[in-house]
Amino acid sequence: AALRQRLGVTATLRDLGLGPAELDRAADEAV
């Protein structure tokens, strides 16, 4: 986590446009 911050990688999945519905779908597919 510290290295990512140091490298300037601060984006989240929410910043990439993923909301609760998309997270639910991804969780379903992953299992």
Full PDB file with SEQRES, HELIX, SHEET, SSBOND, CRYST1, ORIGX, SCALE, CONECT and MASTER records, all heavy atoms in Angstrom:
SEQRES   1 A   31  ALA ALA LEU ARG GLN ARG LEU GLY VAL THR ALA THR LEU          
SEQRES   2 A   31  ARG ASP LEU GLY LEU GLY PRO ALA GLU LEU ASP ARG ALA          
SEQRES   3 A   31  ALA ASP GLU ALA VAL                                          
HELIX    1 AA1 ALA A    2  ARG A    6  1                                   5    
HELIX    2 AA2 PRO A   20  ALA A   30  1                                  11    
CRYST1    1.000    1.000    1.000  90.00  90.00  90.00 P 1           1          
ORIGX1      1.000000  0.000000  0.000000        0.00000                         
ORIGX2      0.000000  1.000000  0.000000        0.00000                         
ORIGX3      0.000000  0.000000  1.000000        0.00000                         
SCALE1      1.000000  0.000000  0.000000        0.00000                         
SCALE2      0.000000  1.000000  0.000000        0.00000                         
SCALE3      0.000000  0.000000  1.000000        0.00000                         
ATOM      1  N   ALA A   1       0.827  -1.200   0.000  1.00  0.00           N  
ATOM      2  CA  ALA A   1       0.000   0.000   0.000  1.00  0.00           C  
ATOM      3  C   ALA A   1       0.867   1.259   0.000  1.00  0.00           C  
ATOM      4  O   ALA A   1       0.583   2.229  -0.711  1.00  0.00           O  
ATOM      5  CB  ALA A   1      -0.931  -0.012   1.217  1.00  0.00           C  
ATOM      6  N   ALA A   2       1.947   1.247   0.784  1.00  0.00           N  
ATOM      7  CA  ALA A   2       2.833   2.412   0.839  1.00  0.00           C  
ATOM      8  C   ALA A   2       3.566   2.614  -0.485  1.00  0.00           C  
ATOM      9  O   ALA A   2       3.726   3.752  -0.953  1.00  0.00           O  
ATOM     10  CB  ALA A   2       3.830   2.252   1.986  1.00  0.00           C  
ATOM     11  N   LEU A   3       4.018   1.519  -1.101  1.00  0.00           N  
ATOM     12  CA  LEU A   3       4.710   1.641  -2.375  1.00  0.00           C  
ATOM     13  C   LEU A   3       3.768   2.190  -3.438  1.00  0.00           C  
ATOM     14  O   LEU A   3       4.145   3.072  -4.216  1.00  0.00           O  
ATOM     15  CB  LEU A   3       5.257   0.286  -2.815  1.00  0.00           C  
ATOM     16  CG  LEU A   3       5.945   0.273  -4.186  1.00  0.00           C  
ATOM     17  CD1 LEU A   3       7.197   1.160  -4.172  1.00  0.00           C  
ATOM     18  CD2 LEU A   3       6.317  -1.151  -4.595  1.00  0.00           C  
ATOM     19  N   ARG A   4       2.556   1.682  -3.472  1.00  0.00           N  
ATOM     20  CA  ARG A   4       1.590   2.178  -4.450  1.00  0.00           C  
ATOM     21  C   ARG A   4       1.364   3.678  -4.283  1.00  0.00           C  
ATOM     22  O   ARG A   4       1.335   4.431  -5.257  1.00  0.00           O  
ATOM     23  CB  ARG A   4       0.266   1.418  -4.312  1.00  0.00           C  
ATOM     24  CG  ARG A   4      -0.696   1.683  -5.440  1.00  0.00           C  
ATOM     25  CD  ARG A   4      -1.987   0.928  -5.265  1.00  0.00           C  
ATOM     26  NE  ARG A   4      -2.725   1.403  -4.098  1.00  0.00           N  
ATOM     27  CZ  ARG A   4      -3.954   1.023  -3.789  1.00  0.00           C  
ATOM     28  NH1 ARG A   4      -4.562   0.110  -4.531  1.00  0.00           N  
ATOM     29  NH2 ARG A   4      -4.568   1.498  -2.723  1.00  0.00           N  
ATOM     30  N   GLN A   5       1.235   4.115  -3.039  1.00  0.00           N  
ATOM     31  CA  GLN A   5       1.055   5.537  -2.765  1.00  0.00           C  
ATOM     32  C   GLN A   5       2.281   6.327  -3.210  1.00  0.00           C  
ATOM     33  O   GLN A   5       2.164   7.406  -3.823  1.00  0.00           O  
ATOM     34  CB  GLN A   5       0.801   5.749  -1.272  1.00  0.00           C  
ATOM     35  CG  GLN A   5       0.401   7.165  -0.893  1.00  0.00           C  
ATOM     36  CD  GLN A   5      -1.042   7.476  -1.244  1.00  0.00           C  
ATOM     37  OE1 GLN A   5      -1.850   6.550  -1.384  1.00  0.00           O  
ATOM     38  NE2 GLN A   5      -1.375   8.739  -1.400  1.00  0.00           N  
ATOM     39  N   ARG A   6       3.457   5.810  -2.912  1.00  0.00           N  
ATOM     40  CA  ARG A   6       4.708   6.489  -3.283  1.00  0.00           C  
ATOM     41  C   ARG A   6       4.840   6.625  -4.791  1.00  0.00           C  
ATOM     42  O   ARG A   6       5.404   7.606  -5.292  1.00  0.00           O  
ATOM     43  CB  ARG A   6       5.891   5.704  -2.710  1.00  0.00           C  
ATOM     44  CG  ARG A   6       7.244   6.361  -2.906  1.00  0.00           C  
ATOM     45  CD  ARG A   6       8.335   5.504  -2.291  1.00  0.00           C  
ATOM     46  NE  ARG A   6       9.656   6.073  -2.482  1.00  0.00           N  
ATOM     47  CZ  ARG A   6      10.786   5.454  -2.221  1.00  0.00           C  
ATOM     48  NH1 ARG A   6      10.757   4.215  -1.728  1.00  0.00           N  
ATOM     49  NH2 ARG A   6      11.952   6.038  -2.436  1.00  0.00           N  
ATOM     50  N   LEU A   7       4.334   5.628  -5.521  1.00  0.00           N  
ATOM     51  CA  LEU A   7       4.410   5.659  -6.984  1.00  0.00           C  
ATOM     52  C   LEU A   7       3.321   6.534  -7.605  1.00  0.00           C  
ATOM     53  O   LEU A   7       3.283   6.705  -8.821  1.00  0.00           O  
ATOM     54  CB  LEU A   7       4.301   4.240  -7.546  1.00  0.00           C  
ATOM     55  CG  LEU A   7       5.426   3.272  -7.158  1.00  0.00           C  
ATOM     56  CD1 LEU A   7       5.158   1.894  -7.746  1.00  0.00           C  
ATOM     57  CD2 LEU A   7       6.782   3.792  -7.618  1.00  0.00           C  
ATOM     58  N   GLY A   8       2.432   7.052  -6.773  1.00  0.00           N  
ATOM     59  CA  GLY A   8       1.381   7.928  -7.286  1.00  0.00           C  
ATOM     60  C   GLY A   8       0.170   7.205  -7.821  1.00  0.00           C  
ATOM     61  O   GLY A   8      -0.647   7.806  -8.539  1.00  0.00           O  
ATOM     62  N   VAL A   9       0.024   5.923  -7.470  1.00  0.00           N  
ATOM     63  CA  VAL A   9      -1.140   5.158  -7.929  1.00  0.00           C  
ATOM     64  C   VAL A   9      -2.222   5.289  -6.860  1.00  0.00           C  
ATOM     65  O   VAL A   9      -2.220   4.561  -5.860  1.00  0.00           O  
ATOM     66  CB  VAL A   9      -0.789   3.678  -8.159  1.00  0.00           C  
ATOM     67  CG1 VAL A   9      -2.007   2.926  -8.704  1.00  0.00           C  
ATOM     68  CG2 VAL A   9       0.385   3.553  -9.114  1.00  0.00           C  
ATOM     69  N   THR A  10      -3.138   6.218  -7.045  1.00  0.00           N  
ATOM     70  CA  THR A  10      -4.156   6.508  -6.037  1.00  0.00           C  
ATOM     71  C   THR A  10      -5.564   6.146  -6.502  1.00  0.00           C  
ATOM     72  O   THR A  10      -6.519   6.313  -5.748  1.00  0.00           O  
ATOM     73  CB  THR A  10      -4.124   7.995  -5.660  1.00  0.00           C  
ATOM     74  OG1 THR A  10      -4.342   8.784  -6.834  1.00  0.00           O  
ATOM     75  CG2 THR A  10      -2.771   8.369  -5.051  1.00  0.00           C  
ATOM     76  N   ALA A  11      -5.712   5.661  -7.724  1.00  0.00           N  
ATOM     77  CA  ALA A  11      -7.037   5.350  -8.259  1.00  0.00           C  
ATOM     78  C   ALA A  11      -7.673   4.182  -7.519  1.00  0.00           C  
ATOM     79  O   ALA A  11      -6.990   3.316  -6.968  1.00  0.00           O  
ATOM     80  CB  ALA A  11      -6.947   5.031  -9.751  1.00  0.00           C  
ATOM     81  N   THR A  12      -8.988   4.157  -7.503  1.00  0.00           N  
ATOM     82  CA  THR A  12      -9.763   3.064  -6.925  1.00  0.00           C  
ATOM     83  C   THR A  12     -10.634   2.451  -8.024  1.00  0.00           C  
ATOM     84  O   THR A  12     -10.783   3.013  -9.113  1.00  0.00           O  
ATOM     85  CB  THR A  12     -10.681   3.563  -5.796  1.00  0.00           C  
ATOM     86  OG1 THR A  12     -11.689   4.424  -6.369  1.00  0.00           O  
ATOM     87  CG2 THR A  12      -9.888   4.334  -4.746  1.00  0.00           C  
ATOM     88  N   LEU A  13     -11.226   1.310  -7.734  1.00  0.00           N  
ATOM     89  CA  LEU A  13     -12.152   0.710  -8.696  1.00  0.00           C  
ATOM     90  C   LEU A  13     -13.343   1.629  -8.941  1.00  0.00           C  
ATOM     91  O   LEU A  13     -13.898   1.670 -10.047  1.00  0.00           O  
ATOM     92  CB  LEU A  13     -12.630  -0.650  -8.199  1.00  0.00           C  
ATOM     93  CG  LEU A  13     -11.582  -1.765  -8.134  1.00  0.00           C  
ATOM     94  CD1 LEU A  13     -12.232  -3.063  -7.668  1.00  0.00           C  
ATOM     95  CD2 LEU A  13     -10.901  -1.972  -9.484  1.00  0.00           C  
ATOM     96  N   ARG A  14     -13.738   2.384  -7.933  1.00  0.00           N  
ATOM     97  CA  ARG A  14     -14.836   3.337  -8.114  1.00  0.00           C  
ATOM     98  C   ARG A  14     -14.441   4.415  -9.116  1.00  0.00           C  
ATOM     99  O   ARG A  14     -15.266   4.840  -9.941  1.00  0.00           O  
ATOM    100  CB  ARG A  14     -15.212   3.957  -6.767  1.00  0.00           C  
ATOM    101  CG  ARG A  14     -16.461   4.831  -6.797  1.00  0.00           C  
ATOM    102  CD  ARG A  14     -16.873   5.182  -5.378  1.00  0.00           C  
ATOM    103  NE  ARG A  14     -17.262   3.980  -4.645  1.00  0.00           N  
ATOM    104  CZ  ARG A  14     -17.240   3.872  -3.311  1.00  0.00           C  
ATOM    105  NH1 ARG A  14     -16.817   4.883  -2.568  1.00  0.00           N  
ATOM    106  NH2 ARG A  14     -17.627   2.762  -2.722  1.00  0.00           N  
ATOM    107  N   ASP A  15     -13.177   4.851  -9.066  1.00  0.00           N  
ATOM    108  CA  ASP A  15     -12.704   5.844 -10.031  1.00  0.00           C  
ATOM    109  C   ASP A  15     -12.767   5.312 -11.455  1.00  0.00           C  
ATOM    110  O   ASP A  15     -12.867   6.096 -12.416  1.00  0.00           O  
ATOM    111  CB  ASP A  15     -11.264   6.253  -9.717  1.00  0.00           C  
ATOM    112  CG  ASP A  15     -11.141   6.995  -8.401  1.00  0.00           C  
ATOM    113  OD1 ASP A  15     -12.110   7.672  -8.000  1.00  0.00           O  
ATOM    114  OD2 ASP A  15     -10.076   6.881  -7.749  1.00  0.00           O  
ATOM    115  N   LEU A  16     -12.680   3.986 -11.610  1.00  0.00           N  
ATOM    116  CA  LEU A  16     -12.744   3.363 -12.930  1.00  0.00           C  
ATOM    117  C   LEU A  16     -14.174   3.071 -13.370  1.00  0.00           C  
ATOM    118  O   LEU A  16     -14.397   2.443 -14.406  1.00  0.00           O  
ATOM    119  CB  LEU A  16     -11.928   2.073 -12.946  1.00  0.00           C  
ATOM    120  CG  LEU A  16     -10.440   2.208 -12.621  1.00  0.00           C  
ATOM    121  CD1 LEU A  16      -9.726   0.880 -12.824  1.00  0.00           C  
ATOM    122  CD2 LEU A  16      -9.786   3.290 -13.457  1.00  0.00           C  
ATOM    123  N   GLY A  17     -15.142   3.526 -12.570  1.00  0.00           N  
ATOM    124  CA  GLY A  17     -16.538   3.413 -12.976  1.00  0.00           C  
ATOM    125  C   GLY A  17     -17.284   2.213 -12.439  1.00  0.00           C  
ATOM    126  O   GLY A  17     -18.411   1.942 -12.876  1.00  0.00           O  
ATOM    127  N   LEU A  18     -16.711   1.493 -11.484  1.00  0.00           N  
ATOM    128  CA  LEU A  18     -17.376   0.309 -10.948  1.00  0.00           C  
ATOM    129  C   LEU A  18     -18.173   0.658  -9.700  1.00  0.00           C  
ATOM    130  O   LEU A  18     -17.622   1.129  -8.701  1.00  0.00           O  
ATOM    131  CB  LEU A  18     -16.353  -0.785 -10.627  1.00  0.00           C  
ATOM    132  CG  LEU A  18     -16.018  -1.760 -11.773  1.00  0.00           C  
ATOM    133  CD1 LEU A  18     -15.425  -1.018 -12.953  1.00  0.00           C  
ATOM    134  CD2 LEU A  18     -15.083  -2.843 -11.287  1.00  0.00           C  
ATOM    135  N   GLY A  19     -19.488   0.436  -9.781  1.00  0.00           N  
ATOM    136  CA  GLY A  19     -20.371   0.639  -8.647  1.00  0.00           C  
ATOM    137  C   GLY A  19     -20.788  -0.684  -8.047  1.00  0.00           C  
ATOM    138  O   GLY A  19     -20.278  -1.749  -8.417  1.00  0.00           O  
ATOM    139  N   PRO A  20     -21.721  -0.671  -7.110  1.00  0.00           N  
ATOM    140  CA  PRO A  20     -22.146  -1.911  -6.435  1.00  0.00           C  
ATOM    141  C   PRO A  20     -22.599  -3.009  -7.385  1.00  0.00           C  
ATOM    142  O   PRO A  20     -22.271  -4.192  -7.171  1.00  0.00           O  
ATOM    143  CB  PRO A  20     -23.292  -1.431  -5.538  1.00  0.00           C  
ATOM    144  CG  PRO A  20     -22.973   0.004  -5.266  1.00  0.00           C  
ATOM    145  CD  PRO A  20     -22.363   0.523  -6.527  1.00  0.00           C  
ATOM    146  N   ALA A  21     -23.326  -2.667  -8.444  1.00  0.00           N  
ATOM    147  CA  ALA A  21     -23.809  -3.698  -9.369  1.00  0.00           C  
ATOM    148  C   ALA A  21     -22.646  -4.382 -10.077  1.00  0.00           C  
ATOM    149  O   ALA A  21     -22.634  -5.614 -10.244  1.00  0.00           O  
ATOM    150  CB  ALA A  21     -24.767  -3.087 -10.387  1.00  0.00           C  
ATOM    151  N   GLU A  22     -21.665  -3.597 -10.493  1.00  0.00           N  
ATOM    152  CA  GLU A  22     -20.505  -4.167 -11.183  1.00  0.00           C  
ATOM    153  C   GLU A  22     -19.671  -5.020 -10.234  1.00  0.00           C  
ATOM    154  O   GLU A  22     -19.145  -6.076 -10.618  1.00  0.00           O  
ATOM    155  CB  GLU A  22     -19.643  -3.050 -11.783  1.00  0.00           C  
ATOM    156  CG  GLU A  22     -20.252  -2.339 -12.977  1.00  0.00           C  
ATOM    157  CD  GLU A  22     -21.310  -1.325 -12.586  1.00  0.00           C  
ATOM    158  OE1 GLU A  22     -21.338  -0.928 -11.387  1.00  0.00           O  
ATOM    159  OE2 GLU A  22     -22.113  -0.931 -13.444  1.00  0.00           O  
ATOM    160  N   LEU A  23     -19.536  -4.573  -8.999  1.00  0.00           N  
ATOM    161  CA  LEU A  23     -18.783  -5.363  -8.017  1.00  0.00           C  
ATOM    162  C   LEU A  23     -19.484  -6.682  -7.723  1.00  0.00           C  
ATOM    163  O   LEU A  23     -18.826  -7.719  -7.567  1.00  0.00           O  
ATOM    164  CB  LEU A  23     -18.585  -4.562  -6.727  1.00  0.00           C  
ATOM    165  CG  LEU A  23     -17.830  -3.227  -6.854  1.00  0.00           C  
ATOM    166  CD1 LEU A  23     -17.637  -2.605  -5.480  1.00  0.00           C  
ATOM    167  CD2 LEU A  23     -16.498  -3.401  -7.554  1.00  0.00           C  
ATOM    168  N   ASP A  24     -20.804  -6.651  -7.645  1.00  0.00           N  
ATOM    169  CA  ASP A  24     -21.560  -7.893  -7.438  1.00  0.00           C  
ATOM    170  C   ASP A  24     -21.335  -8.856  -8.600  1.00  0.00           C  
ATOM    171  O   ASP A  24     -21.117 -10.062  -8.395  1.00  0.00           O  
ATOM    172  CB  ASP A  24     -23.057  -7.585  -7.312  1.00  0.00           C  
ATOM    173  CG  ASP A  24     -23.430  -7.011  -5.958  1.00  0.00           C  
ATOM    174  OD1 ASP A  24     -22.673  -7.222  -4.994  1.00  0.00           O  
ATOM    175  OD2 ASP A  24     -24.477  -6.343  -5.884  1.00  0.00           O  
ATOM    176  N   ARG A  25     -21.398  -8.338  -9.804  1.00  0.00           N  
ATOM    177  CA  ARG A  25     -21.208  -9.187 -10.985  1.00  0.00           C  
ATOM    178  C   ARG A  25     -19.812  -9.783 -11.002  1.00  0.00           C  
ATOM    179  O   ARG A  25     -19.628 -10.979 -11.289  1.00  0.00           O  
ATOM    180  CB  ARG A  25     -21.454  -8.364 -12.245  1.00  0.00           C  
ATOM    181  CG  ARG A  25     -21.202  -9.128 -13.538  1.00  0.00           C  
ATOM    182  CD  ARG A  25     -21.399  -8.218 -14.720  1.00  0.00           C  
ATOM    183  NE  ARG A  25     -20.836  -8.814 -15.925  1.00  0.00           N  
ATOM    184  CZ  ARG A  25     -20.667  -8.152 -17.070  1.00  0.00           C  
ATOM    185  NH1 ARG A  25     -21.034  -6.885 -17.161  1.00  0.00           N  
ATOM    186  NH2 ARG A  25     -20.132  -8.751 -18.110  1.00  0.00           N  
ATOM    187  N   ALA A  26     -18.804  -8.959 -10.695  1.00  0.00           N  
ATOM    188  CA  ALA A  26     -17.426  -9.449 -10.696  1.00  0.00           C  
ATOM    189  C   ALA A  26     -17.234 -10.527  -9.633  1.00  0.00           C  
ATOM    190  O   ALA A  26     -16.551 -11.532  -9.871  1.00  0.00           O  
ATOM    191  CB  ALA A  26     -16.461  -8.288 -10.454  1.00  0.00           C  
ATOM    192  N   ALA A  27     -17.832 -10.340  -8.462  1.00  0.00           N  
ATOM    193  CA  ALA A  27     -17.715 -11.342  -7.405  1.00  0.00           C  
ATOM    194  C   ALA A  27     -18.352 -12.657  -7.832  1.00  0.00           C  
ATOM    195  O   ALA A  27     -17.805 -13.741  -7.588  1.00  0.00           O  
ATOM    196  CB  ALA A  27     -18.358 -10.827  -6.119  1.00  0.00           C  
ATOM    197  N   ASP A  28     -19.499 -12.571  -8.488  1.00  0.00           N  
ATOM    198  CA  ASP A  28     -20.168 -13.784  -8.965  1.00  0.00           C  
ATOM    199  C   ASP A  28     -19.291 -14.529  -9.971  1.00  0.00           C  
ATOM    200  O   ASP A  28     -19.155 -15.762  -9.909  1.00  0.00           O  
ATOM    201  CB  ASP A  28     -21.509 -13.428  -9.621  1.00  0.00           C  
ATOM    202  CG  ASP A  28     -22.555 -12.975  -8.620  1.00  0.00           C  
ATOM    203  OD1 ASP A  28     -22.410 -13.294  -7.428  1.00  0.00           O  
ATOM    204  OD2 ASP A  28     -23.504 -12.286  -9.034  1.00  0.00           O  
ATOM    205  N   GLU A  29     -18.700 -13.802 -10.903  1.00  0.00           N  
ATOM    206  CA  GLU A  29     -17.873 -14.440 -11.928  1.00  0.00           C  
ATOM    207  C   GLU A  29     -16.597 -15.019 -11.334  1.00  0.00           C  
ATOM    208  O   GLU A  29     -16.119 -16.073 -11.773  1.00  0.00           O  
ATOM    209  CB  GLU A  29     -17.532 -13.438 -13.034  1.00  0.00           C  
ATOM    210  CG  GLU A  29     -18.722 -13.041 -13.896  1.00  0.00           C  
ATOM    211  CD  GLU A  29     -18.312 -12.258 -15.124  1.00  0.00           C  
ATOM    212  OE1 GLU A  29     -17.141 -12.387 -15.552  1.00  0.00           O  
ATOM    213  OE2 GLU A  29     -19.156 -11.520 -15.650  1.00  0.00           O  
ATOM    214  N   ALA A  30     -16.041 -14.345 -10.330  1.00  0.00           N  
ATOM    215  CA  ALA A  30     -14.769 -14.795  -9.752  1.00  0.00           C  
ATOM    216  C   ALA A  30     -14.894 -16.122  -9.017  1.00  0.00           C  
ATOM    217  O   ALA A  30     -13.911 -16.859  -8.912  1.00  0.00           O  
ATOM    218  CB  ALA A  30     -14.215 -13.726  -8.814  1.00  0.00           C  
ATOM    219  N   VAL A  31     -16.065 -16.433  -8.513  1.00  0.00           N  
ATOM    220  CA  VAL A  31     -16.238 -17.686  -7.756  1.00  0.00           C  
ATOM    221  C   VAL A  31     -16.956 -18.761  -8.571  1.00  0.00           C  
ATOM    222  O   VAL A  31     -17.269 -19.832  -8.045  1.00  0.00           O  
ATOM    223  CB  VAL A  31     -17.013 -17.444  -6.440  1.00  0.00           C  
ATOM    224  CG1 VAL A  31     -16.245 -16.469  -5.552  1.00  0.00           C  
ATOM    225  CG2 VAL A  31     -18.426 -16.918  -6.711  1.00  0.00           C  
TER     226      VAL A  31                                                      
MASTER        0    0    0    2    0    0    0    6  225    1    0    3          
END                                                                             
